[in-house]
């Protein structure tokens, strides 16, 4: 089976060589990540330092105060169908309530022409609700990370296992 290139809109630990991993810590600026927003520069993803006394930085997607579709897209990764592939991240969230705002994890296996929701591949608790099905939200009616994460403002660990995904 030929390896395929996948682009995913989330922070990941990615293989850069067979049987090894890579950890992204958001400490070196936005490159090589891509930010896509349909509301212009007023509310794109940004790197922030949430705790002034700690040296680490994180990605932050601010509220656009209007209907929006914003993506944080990882650099392309080469994934072999013969090898195990999973990624992990830590996150916390506090979205508008009731469930008008939320987030999903998706992957593209065709350069971004289409996206596949990865909710069924979560290794942890995964999505915690469903977005309101009416209105103009581009994710309306979908399962997603919604409301406020358990234990907020503490971070939660999450992972997605794409081994055997059929690449």
Foldseek 3Di string as FASTA:
>chain_A
DAWFKKKKQDFWFADPDPPDTHHDQCPPFLPPKDKDKPVPPQWIWGWDDPDVVDDGIDIDGDDPVDAMDMTIMDDIGTDDLVDKDKTKDKDWDADDPDQADFDFIWMDRPPPPDIDTQQVFKPPPGFDAFHDQDDDHPRHGHGGNTHTDPPPPDIDMIMGICHNVPD
